[in-house]
Amino acid sequence: GAYHITSDEALPWRTILESVGDVLGRRPEICSVSSADLVSYQPDWEGPLLGDKANAMRFDNSAVRELIGEWTCEIDLPDGLQRVLPLVDQRLAAGYAPDPALDALVDRIIAESAP
């Protein structure tokens, strides 16, 4: 079988984004946009955004605990992000760049949605 292993801590997206900003030494400017509005810009996003991502979910580790016994996540979000940062830096240094069309669309959505 396939298992996921996550922390038992439930974090809202805002907290996650702010934690990423902390690791990068920057304060994110968060622009909230509804799923329906996002789909109006990109109809292909309807299934993913209005399907499984439309409902709040919380993953638990009960299946893996049944298999191996008690398990506790020892890496919190800030520590995990710090550990991943060198890999992100390597990928950027190797030439990764976001898809220019998607990047432009996201910029447009933010510009048209920001208060």
C-alpha atoms as a PDB file:
ATOM      1  CA  GLY A   1       0.000   0.000   0.000  1.00  0.00           C
ATOM      2  CA  ALA A   2       0.893   3.658  -0.220  1.00  0.00           C
ATOM      3  CA  TYR A   3       1.133   5.846   2.859  1.00  0.00           C
ATOM      4  CA  HIS A   4       1.588   9.511   3.498  1.00  0.00           C
ATOM      5  CA  ILE A   5       3.417  10.773   6.533  1.00  0.00           C
ATOM      6  CA  THR A   6       2.652  14.268   7.700  1.00  0.00           C
ATOM      7  CA  SER A   7       2.887  16.249  10.850  1.00  0.00           C
ATOM      8  CA  ASP A   8      -0.128  16.083  13.135  1.00  0.00           C
ATOM      9  CA  GLU A   9      -0.118  19.892  13.204  1.00  0.00           C
ATOM     10  CA  ALA A  10      -2.798  21.529  11.035  1.00  0.00           C
ATOM     11  CA  LEU A  11      -1.546  24.776   9.544  1.00  0.00           C
ATOM     12  CA  PRO A  12      -3.583  27.340   7.588  1.00  0.00           C
ATOM     13  CA  TRP A  13      -2.159  28.471   4.241  1.00  0.00           C
ATOM     14  CA  ARG A  14      -1.418  31.958   5.616  1.00  0.00           C
ATOM     15  CA  THR A  15       0.816  30.458   8.314  1.00  0.00           C
ATOM     16  CA  ILE A  16       2.607  28.303   5.750  1.00  0.00           C
ATOM     17  CA  LEU A  17       3.208  31.271   3.445  1.00  0.00           C
ATOM     18  CA  GLU A  18       4.426  33.427   6.321  1.00  0.00           C
ATOM     19  CA  SER A  19       6.806  30.625   7.382  1.00  0.00           C
ATOM     20  CA  VAL A  20       8.215  30.460   3.855  1.00  0.00           C
ATOM     21  CA  GLY A  21       8.700  34.230   4.009  1.00  0.00           C
ATOM     22  CA  ASP A  22      10.501  33.934   7.349  1.00  0.00           C
ATOM     23  CA  VAL A  23      12.949  31.385   5.918  1.00  0.00           C
ATOM     24  CA  LEU A  24      13.587  33.639   2.916  1.00  0.00           C
ATOM     25  CA  GLY A  25      13.920  36.718   5.097  1.00  0.00           C
ATOM     26  CA  ARG A  26      10.989  38.387   3.358  1.00  0.00           C
ATOM     27  CA  ARG A  27       7.446  39.246   4.326  1.00  0.00           C
ATOM     28  CA  PRO A  28       4.981  37.828   1.795  1.00  0.00           C
ATOM     29  CA  GLU A  29       2.293  40.065   0.364  1.00  0.00           C
ATOM     30  CA  ILE A  30      -0.688  37.728   0.439  1.00  0.00           C
ATOM     31  CA  CYS A  31      -3.520  38.282  -2.027  1.00  0.00           C
ATOM     32  CA  SER A  32      -6.533  36.057  -1.409  1.00  0.00           C
ATOM     33  CA  VAL A  33      -8.459  35.035  -4.529  1.00  0.00           C
ATOM     34  CA  SER A  34     -11.467  32.728  -4.517  1.00  0.00           C
ATOM     35  CA  SER A  35     -11.310  29.434  -6.378  1.00  0.00           C
ATOM     36  CA  ALA A  36     -14.227  30.546  -8.566  1.00  0.00           C
ATOM     37  CA  ASP A  37     -12.335  33.687  -9.559  1.00  0.00           C
ATOM     38  CA  LEU A  38      -9.195  31.678 -10.326  1.00  0.00           C
ATOM     39  CA  VAL A  39     -11.199  29.343 -12.551  1.00  0.00           C
ATOM     40  CA  SER A  40     -12.599  32.349 -14.425  1.00  0.00           C
ATOM     41  CA  TYR A  41      -8.996  33.132 -15.451  1.00  0.00           C
ATOM     42  CA  GLN A  42      -7.991  29.535 -16.174  1.00  0.00           C
ATOM     43  CA  PRO A  43     -10.867  27.085 -16.831  1.00  0.00           C
ATOM     44  CA  ASP A  44      -8.469  24.091 -16.648  1.00  0.00           C
ATOM     45  CA  TRP A  45      -8.153  24.751 -12.910  1.00  0.00           C
ATOM     46  CA  GLU A  46     -11.842  23.941 -12.291  1.00  0.00           C
ATOM     47  CA  GLY A  47     -11.322  20.247 -11.533  1.00  0.00           C
ATOM     48  CA  PRO A  48      -8.396  20.662  -9.152  1.00  0.00           C
ATOM     49  CA  LEU A  49      -9.689  23.808  -7.415  1.00  0.00           C
ATOM     50  CA  LEU A  50     -13.398  23.114  -7.246  1.00  0.00           C
ATOM     51  CA  GLY A  51     -12.903  19.378  -6.734  1.00  0.00           C
ATOM     52  CA  ASP A  52     -10.574  18.081  -4.043  1.00  0.00           C
ATOM     53  CA  LYS A  53      -9.132  21.458  -3.021  1.00  0.00           C
ATOM     54  CA  ALA A  54     -12.541  23.043  -2.456  1.00  0.00           C
ATOM     55  CA  ASN A  55     -12.911  21.299   0.890  1.00  0.00           C
ATOM     56  CA  ALA A  56     -10.723  21.613   3.937  1.00  0.00           C
ATOM     57  CA  MET A  57      -8.807  18.420   4.607  1.00  0.00           C
ATOM     58  CA  ARG A  58      -6.650  17.211   7.412  1.00  0.00           C
ATOM     59  CA  PHE A  59      -4.384  14.254   6.859  1.00  0.00           C
ATOM     60  CA  ASP A  60      -3.586  11.959   9.728  1.00  0.00           C
ATOM     61  CA  ASN A  61      -0.980   9.309  10.317  1.00  0.00           C
ATOM     62  CA  SER A  62      -3.238   6.578  11.707  1.00  0.00           C
ATOM     63  CA  ALA A  63      -2.542   4.131   8.846  1.00  0.00           C
ATOM     64  CA  VAL A  64       1.237   4.358   9.227  1.00  0.00           C
ATOM     65  CA  ARG A  65       0.897   4.143  13.016  1.00  0.00           C
ATOM     66  CA  GLU A  66      -1.109   0.922  12.613  1.00  0.00           C
ATOM     67  CA  LEU A  67       1.720  -0.491  10.523  1.00  0.00           C
ATOM     68  CA  ILE A  68       4.783   0.576  12.534  1.00  0.00           C
ATOM     69  CA  GLY A  69       3.488   1.649  15.920  1.00  0.00           C
ATOM     70  CA  GLU A  70       3.709   5.059  17.498  1.00  0.00           C
ATOM     71  CA  TRP A  71       5.320   7.686  15.295  1.00  0.00           C
ATOM     72  CA  THR A  72       5.896  11.374  15.900  1.00  0.00           C
ATOM     73  CA  CYS A  73       6.966  13.981  13.391  1.00  0.00           C
ATOM     74  CA  GLU A  74      10.171  15.532  14.729  1.00  0.00           C
ATOM     75  CA  ILE A  75      10.609  18.192  12.042  1.00  0.00           C
ATOM     76  CA  ASP A  76       8.367  21.233  12.292  1.00  0.00           C
ATOM     77  CA  LEU A  77       7.532  23.442   9.328  1.00  0.00           C
ATOM     78  CA  PRO A  78      10.209  26.121   9.891  1.00  0.00           C
ATOM     79  CA  ASP A  79      12.926  23.471  10.294  1.00  0.00           C
ATOM     80  CA  GLY A  80      11.720  21.549   7.241  1.00  0.00           C
ATOM     81  CA  LEU A  81      11.728  24.722   5.167  1.00  0.00           C
ATOM     82  CA  GLN A  82      15.272  25.538   6.336  1.00  0.00           C
ATOM     83  CA  ARG A  83      16.373  22.043   5.289  1.00  0.00           C
ATOM     84  CA  VAL A  84      14.807  22.414   1.834  1.00  0.00           C
ATOM     85  CA  LEU A  85      16.177  25.908   1.135  1.00  0.00           C
ATOM     86  CA  PRO A  86      19.624  24.718  -0.089  1.00  0.00           C
ATOM     87  CA  LEU A  87      17.912  22.399  -2.584  1.00  0.00           C
ATOM     88  CA  VAL A  88      15.789  25.277  -3.865  1.00  0.00           C
ATOM     89  CA  ASP A  89      18.907  27.420  -4.212  1.00  0.00           C
ATOM     90  CA  GLN A  90      20.602  24.613  -6.176  1.00  0.00           C
ATOM     91  CA  ARG A  91      17.646  24.282  -8.519  1.00  0.00           C
ATOM     92  CA  LEU A  92      17.547  28.032  -9.146  1.00  0.00           C
ATOM     93  CA  ALA A  93      21.306  28.111  -9.736  1.00  0.00           C
ATOM     94  CA  ALA A  94      20.887  25.273 -12.249  1.00  0.00           C
ATOM     95  CA  GLY A  95      18.595  27.489 -14.310  1.00  0.00           C
ATOM     96  CA  TYR A  96      15.069  26.735 -13.116  1.00  0.00           C
ATOM     97  CA  ALA A  97      12.595  29.472 -13.999  1.00  0.00           C
ATOM     98  CA  PRO A  98       8.818  29.441 -13.684  1.00  0.00           C
ATOM     99  CA  ASP A  99       6.709  28.998 -16.799  1.00  0.00           C
ATOM    100  CA  PRO A 100       6.565  32.541 -18.222  1.00  0.00           C
ATOM    101  CA  ALA A 101       2.931  32.266 -19.331  1.00  0.00           C
ATOM    102  CA  LEU A 102       1.790  30.981 -15.934  1.00  0.00           C
ATOM    103  CA  ASP A 103       3.932  33.572 -14.146  1.00  0.00           C
ATOM    104  CA  ALA A 104       2.337  36.351 -16.230  1.00  0.00           C
ATOM    105  CA  LEU A 105      -1.151  34.980 -15.525  1.00  0.00           C
ATOM    106  CA  VAL A 106      -0.515  34.891 -11.783  1.00  0.00           C
ATOM    107  CA  ASP A 107       0.813  38.464 -11.903  1.00  0.00           C
ATOM    108  CA  ARG A 108      -2.330  39.531 -13.787  1.00  0.00           C
ATOM    109  CA  ILE A 109      -4.646  37.795 -11.310  1.00  0.00           C
ATOM    110  CA  ILE A 110      -2.869  39.471  -8.388  1.00  0.00           C
ATOM    111  CA  ALA A 111      -2.958  42.891 -10.063  1.00  0.00           C
ATOM    112  CA  GLU A 112      -6.670  42.587 -10.789  1.00  0.00           C
ATOM    113  CA  SER A 113      -7.543  41.100  -7.375  1.00  0.00           C
ATOM    114  CA  ALA A 114      -5.438  43.159  -4.974  1.00  0.00           C
ATOM    115  CA  PRO A 115      -7.419  45.639  -2.882  1.00  0.00           C
END
